[in-house]
Amino acid sequence: MLNNIQLIMKKHHLYKNNISVILFPKGGNNMLNQSILVGRIVKEPEVRETENGTKVTNLTLAVQRSYKNVEGEYDTDFISCVLWKGIAETTAEYCKKGDLIGVRGRLQNRPLVNAEDTKLNSVEVVAERVTFLSSKKQD
């Protein structure tokens, strides 16, 4: 068994090398569904209401990759996010297109059917927390 100092040193070494280690307790649920994104909002967030009155905002984050492609440029991924209730309202009120935000949440897979009756899957991040890293300038 490692003592605390050895464990801290091992964690520091792993983090410096972009490796994360997650330890699960014995006999527990050994699964994890968590995503952390930092990116820019692609278009103005708008709040909608579901049939039962729950507030929801769908937005897309442009997330630049941390490495360059063969052409020497950074690729960007466009990731769909869904925000519910208070998070949806607050984000739409204080953020705009181009703002940098952090999103922590879980991945969700939604089955879809297109116009040709082909079954598709849509993967999105359901936000559990949003952090405003840049926000609207005051007029």
C-alpha atoms as a PDB file:
ATOM      1  CA  MET A   1       0.000   0.000   0.000  1.00  0.00           C
ATOM      2  CA  LEU A   2       1.328   3.425  -0.924  1.00  0.00           C
ATOM      3  CA  ASN A   3       1.642   6.066   1.752  1.00  0.00           C
ATOM      4  CA  ASN A   4       0.095   9.511   1.167  1.00  0.00           C
ATOM      5  CA  ILE A   5       3.307  11.153  -0.074  1.00  0.00           C
ATOM      6  CA  GLN A   6       3.941   8.413  -2.648  1.00  0.00           C
ATOM      7  CA  LEU A   7       0.315   8.608  -3.804  1.00  0.00           C
ATOM      8  CA  ILE A   8       0.532  12.405  -4.238  1.00  0.00           C
ATOM      9  CA  MET A   9       3.793  12.059  -6.183  1.00  0.00           C
ATOM     10  CA  LYS A  10       2.261   9.387  -8.426  1.00  0.00           C
ATOM     11  CA  LYS A  11      -0.834  11.548  -9.058  1.00  0.00           C
ATOM     12  CA  HIS A  12       1.352  14.566  -9.888  1.00  0.00           C
ATOM     13  CA  HIS A  13       3.398  12.506 -12.353  1.00  0.00           C
ATOM     14  CA  LEU A  14       0.256  11.114 -14.001  1.00  0.00           C
ATOM     15  CA  TYR A  15      -1.378  14.539 -14.363  1.00  0.00           C
ATOM     16  CA  LYS A  16       1.784  16.014 -15.897  1.00  0.00           C
ATOM     17  CA  ASN A  17       1.590  13.305 -18.554  1.00  0.00           C
ATOM     18  CA  ASN A  18      -2.161  13.815 -19.287  1.00  0.00           C
ATOM     19  CA  ILE A  19      -3.121  10.515 -17.704  1.00  0.00           C
ATOM     20  CA  SER A  20      -5.959  10.328 -15.212  1.00  0.00           C
ATOM     21  CA  VAL A  21      -6.469   7.498 -12.776  1.00  0.00           C
ATOM     22  CA  ILE A  22      -9.852   6.917 -11.185  1.00  0.00           C
ATOM     23  CA  LEU A  23     -10.057   4.522  -8.279  1.00  0.00           C
ATOM     24  CA  PHE A  24     -13.416   2.847  -7.625  1.00  0.00           C
ATOM     25  CA  PRO A  25     -14.324   1.188  -4.323  1.00  0.00           C
ATOM     26  CA  LYS A  26     -14.587  -2.588  -4.333  1.00  0.00           C
ATOM     27  CA  GLY A  27     -18.036  -3.953  -5.035  1.00  0.00           C
ATOM     28  CA  GLY A  28     -19.318  -0.584  -6.246  1.00  0.00           C
ATOM     29  CA  ASN A  29     -20.663   0.575  -9.566  1.00  0.00           C
ATOM     30  CA  ASN A  30     -17.473   0.782 -11.649  1.00  0.00           C
ATOM     31  CA  MET A  31     -18.876   2.995 -14.397  1.00  0.00           C
ATOM     32  CA  LEU A  32     -18.491   6.688 -15.091  1.00  0.00           C
ATOM     33  CA  ASN A  33     -20.270   8.969 -17.565  1.00  0.00           C
ATOM     34  CA  GLN A  34     -18.814  12.447 -17.226  1.00  0.00           C
ATOM     35  CA  SER A  35     -17.640  15.030 -19.755  1.00  0.00           C
ATOM     36  CA  ILE A  36     -15.849  18.304 -19.198  1.00  0.00           C
ATOM     37  CA  LEU A  37     -15.716  20.762 -22.088  1.00  0.00           C
ATOM     38  CA  VAL A  38     -14.372  24.273 -22.545  1.00  0.00           C
ATOM     39  CA  GLY A  39     -15.414  25.971 -25.759  1.00  0.00           C
ATOM     40  CA  ARG A  40     -17.114  28.872 -27.468  1.00  0.00           C
ATOM     41  CA  ILE A  41     -20.872  29.155 -28.008  1.00  0.00           C
ATOM     42  CA  VAL A  42     -21.633  28.843 -31.746  1.00  0.00           C
ATOM     43  CA  LYS A  43     -24.964  30.747 -31.844  1.00  0.00           C
ATOM     44  CA  GLU A  44     -27.097  32.811 -29.465  1.00  0.00           C
ATOM     45  CA  PRO A  45     -28.597  30.609 -26.732  1.00  0.00           C
ATOM     46  CA  GLU A  46     -32.407  30.646 -26.644  1.00  0.00           C
ATOM     47  CA  VAL A  47     -34.625  29.308 -23.872  1.00  0.00           C
ATOM     48  CA  ARG A  48     -37.644  27.201 -24.858  1.00  0.00           C
ATOM     49  CA  GLU A  49     -40.283  25.541 -22.734  1.00  0.00           C
ATOM     50  CA  THR A  50     -41.324  21.913 -22.952  1.00  0.00           C
ATOM     51  CA  GLU A  51     -45.013  20.992 -22.954  1.00  0.00           C
ATOM     52  CA  ASN A  52     -44.914  20.673 -19.163  1.00  0.00           C
ATOM     53  CA  GLY A  53     -43.248  24.110 -18.718  1.00  0.00           C
ATOM     54  CA  THR A  54     -39.647  23.004 -18.095  1.00  0.00           C
ATOM     55  CA  LYS A  55     -37.055  25.473 -19.459  1.00  0.00           C
ATOM     56  CA  VAL A  56     -34.477  24.056 -21.889  1.00  0.00           C
ATOM     57  CA  THR A  57     -31.665  25.490 -24.011  1.00  0.00           C
ATOM     58  CA  ASN A  58     -29.804  23.613 -26.729  1.00  0.00           C
ATOM     59  CA  LEU A  59     -26.452  24.982 -27.782  1.00  0.00           C
ATOM     60  CA  THR A  60     -23.377  23.930 -29.689  1.00  0.00           C
ATOM     61  CA  LEU A  61     -19.870  24.421 -28.330  1.00  0.00           C
ATOM     62  CA  ALA A  62     -16.879  24.836 -30.637  1.00  0.00           C
ATOM     63  CA  VAL A  63     -14.043  23.040 -28.842  1.00  0.00           C
ATOM     64  CA  GLN A  64     -10.573  23.358 -30.307  1.00  0.00           C
ATOM     65  CA  ARG A  65      -8.416  20.223 -30.106  1.00  0.00           C
ATOM     66  CA  SER A  66      -5.194  20.452 -28.109  1.00  0.00           C
ATOM     67  CA  TYR A  67      -2.962  19.251 -30.946  1.00  0.00           C
ATOM     68  CA  LYS A  68      -2.311  20.231 -34.556  1.00  0.00           C
ATOM     69  CA  ASN A  69      -3.318  18.141 -37.564  1.00  0.00           C
ATOM     70  CA  VAL A  70      -0.943  17.162 -40.385  1.00  0.00           C
ATOM     71  CA  GLU A  71      -1.421  20.609 -41.972  1.00  0.00           C
ATOM     72  CA  GLY A  72      -0.208  22.246 -38.737  1.00  0.00           C
ATOM     73  CA  GLU A  73      -3.642  23.633 -37.794  1.00  0.00           C
ATOM     74  CA  TYR A  74      -5.927  22.969 -34.847  1.00  0.00           C
ATOM     75  CA  ASP A  75      -9.148  21.118 -35.693  1.00  0.00           C
ATOM     76  CA  THR A  76     -12.366  22.105 -33.941  1.00  0.00           C
ATOM     77  CA  ASP A  77     -15.125  19.788 -32.741  1.00  0.00           C
ATOM     78  CA  PHE A  78     -18.707  21.051 -32.577  1.00  0.00           C
ATOM     79  CA  ILE A  79     -20.453  19.420 -29.618  1.00  0.00           C
ATOM     80  CA  SER A  80     -24.190  19.594 -28.894  1.00  0.00           C
ATOM     81  CA  CYS A  81     -25.198  20.395 -25.323  1.00  0.00           C
ATOM     82  CA  VAL A  82     -28.588  20.519 -23.639  1.00  0.00           C
ATOM     83  CA  LEU A  83     -29.172  22.672 -20.550  1.00  0.00           C
ATOM     84  CA  TRP A  84     -32.226  22.363 -18.310  1.00  0.00           C
ATOM     85  CA  LYS A  85     -34.129  24.566 -15.864  1.00  0.00           C
ATOM     86  CA  GLY A  86     -32.082  27.242 -14.065  1.00  0.00           C
ATOM     87  CA  ILE A  87     -28.868  26.462 -15.939  1.00  0.00           C
ATOM     88  CA  ALA A  88     -30.728  27.005 -19.234  1.00  0.00           C
ATOM     89  CA  GLU A  89     -32.198  30.351 -18.153  1.00  0.00           C
ATOM     90  CA  THR A  90     -29.005  31.727 -16.593  1.00  0.00           C
ATOM     91  CA  THR A  91     -26.819  30.745 -19.553  1.00  0.00           C
ATOM     92  CA  ALA A  92     -29.211  32.321 -22.065  1.00  0.00           C
ATOM     93  CA  GLU A  93     -29.386  35.506 -19.968  1.00  0.00           C
ATOM     94  CA  TYR A  94     -25.654  36.049 -19.422  1.00  0.00           C
ATOM     95  CA  CYS A  95     -23.976  34.411 -22.435  1.00  0.00           C
ATOM     96  CA  LYS A  96     -23.943  35.137 -26.142  1.00  0.00           C
ATOM     97  CA  LYS A  97     -22.467  33.754 -29.341  1.00  0.00           C
ATOM     98  CA  GLY A  98     -18.672  33.555 -29.077  1.00  0.00           C
ATOM     99  CA  ASP A  99     -18.505  33.465 -25.274  1.00  0.00           C
ATOM    100  CA  LEU A 100     -16.161  30.960 -23.684  1.00  0.00           C
ATOM    101  CA  ILE A 101     -17.873  28.610 -21.219  1.00  0.00           C
ATOM    102  CA  GLY A 102     -17.068  25.423 -19.371  1.00  0.00           C
ATOM    103  CA  VAL A 103     -19.627  22.617 -19.300  1.00  0.00           C
ATOM    104  CA  ARG A 104     -19.561  19.607 -17.006  1.00  0.00           C
ATOM    105  CA  GLY A 105     -22.150  16.934 -17.638  1.00  0.00           C
ATOM    106  CA  ARG A 106     -22.929  13.491 -18.915  1.00  0.00           C
ATOM    107  CA  LEU A 107     -23.173  12.033 -22.407  1.00  0.00           C
ATOM    108  CA  GLN A 108     -26.642  11.077 -23.585  1.00  0.00           C
ATOM    109  CA  ASN A 109     -27.518   9.053 -26.660  1.00  0.00           C
ATOM    110  CA  ARG A 110     -30.823   9.900 -28.387  1.00  0.00           C
ATOM    111  CA  PRO A 111     -32.230   7.728 -31.165  1.00  0.00           C
ATOM    112  CA  LEU A 112     -33.524   9.686 -34.174  1.00  0.00           C
ATOM    113  CA  VAL A 113     -35.252   8.814 -37.438  1.00  0.00           C
ATOM    114  CA  ASN A 114     -34.492  10.936 -40.505  1.00  0.00           C
ATOM    115  CA  ALA A 115     -36.787  11.749 -43.468  1.00  0.00           C
ATOM    116  CA  GLU A 116     -35.817   8.475 -45.209  1.00  0.00           C
ATOM    117  CA  ASP A 117     -36.828   6.453 -42.090  1.00  0.00           C
ATOM    118  CA  THR A 118     -33.200   5.650 -41.326  1.00  0.00           C
ATOM    119  CA  LYS A 119     -32.437   5.171 -37.635  1.00  0.00           C
ATOM    120  CA  LEU A 120     -29.673   7.439 -36.381  1.00  0.00           C
ATOM    121  CA  ASN A 121     -28.129   8.221 -32.999  1.00  0.00           C
ATOM    122  CA  SER A 122     -27.444  11.689 -31.664  1.00  0.00           C
ATOM    123  CA  VAL A 123     -24.926  12.108 -28.851  1.00  0.00           C
ATOM    124  CA  GLU A 124     -25.125  15.237 -26.701  1.00  0.00           C
ATOM    125  CA  VAL A 125     -23.844  16.471 -23.375  1.00  0.00           C
ATOM    126  CA  VAL A 126     -26.506  17.052 -20.731  1.00  0.00           C
ATOM    127  CA  ALA A 127     -25.080  19.904 -18.650  1.00  0.00           C
ATOM    128  CA  GLU A 128     -24.961  19.513 -14.890  1.00  0.00           C
ATOM    129  CA  ARG A 129     -22.856  22.637 -14.382  1.00  0.00           C
ATOM    130  CA  VAL A 130     -21.919  25.609 -16.581  1.00  0.00           C
ATOM    131  CA  THR A 131     -19.086  28.014 -15.791  1.00  0.00           C
ATOM    132  CA  PHE A 132     -18.964  31.403 -17.541  1.00  0.00           C
ATOM    133  CA  LEU A 133     -15.377  32.049 -18.574  1.00  0.00           C
ATOM    134  CA  SER A 134     -16.252  35.182 -20.563  1.00  0.00           C
ATOM    135  CA  SER A 135     -19.592  36.988 -20.539  1.00  0.00           C
ATOM    136  CA  LYS A 136     -21.565  39.851 -22.056  1.00  0.00           C
ATOM    137  CA  LYS A 137     -19.987  43.258 -21.861  1.00  0.00           C
ATOM    138  CA  GLN A 138     -22.057  45.806 -19.982  1.00  0.00           C
ATOM    139  CA  ASP A 139     -23.601  48.477 -22.243  1.00  0.00           C
END
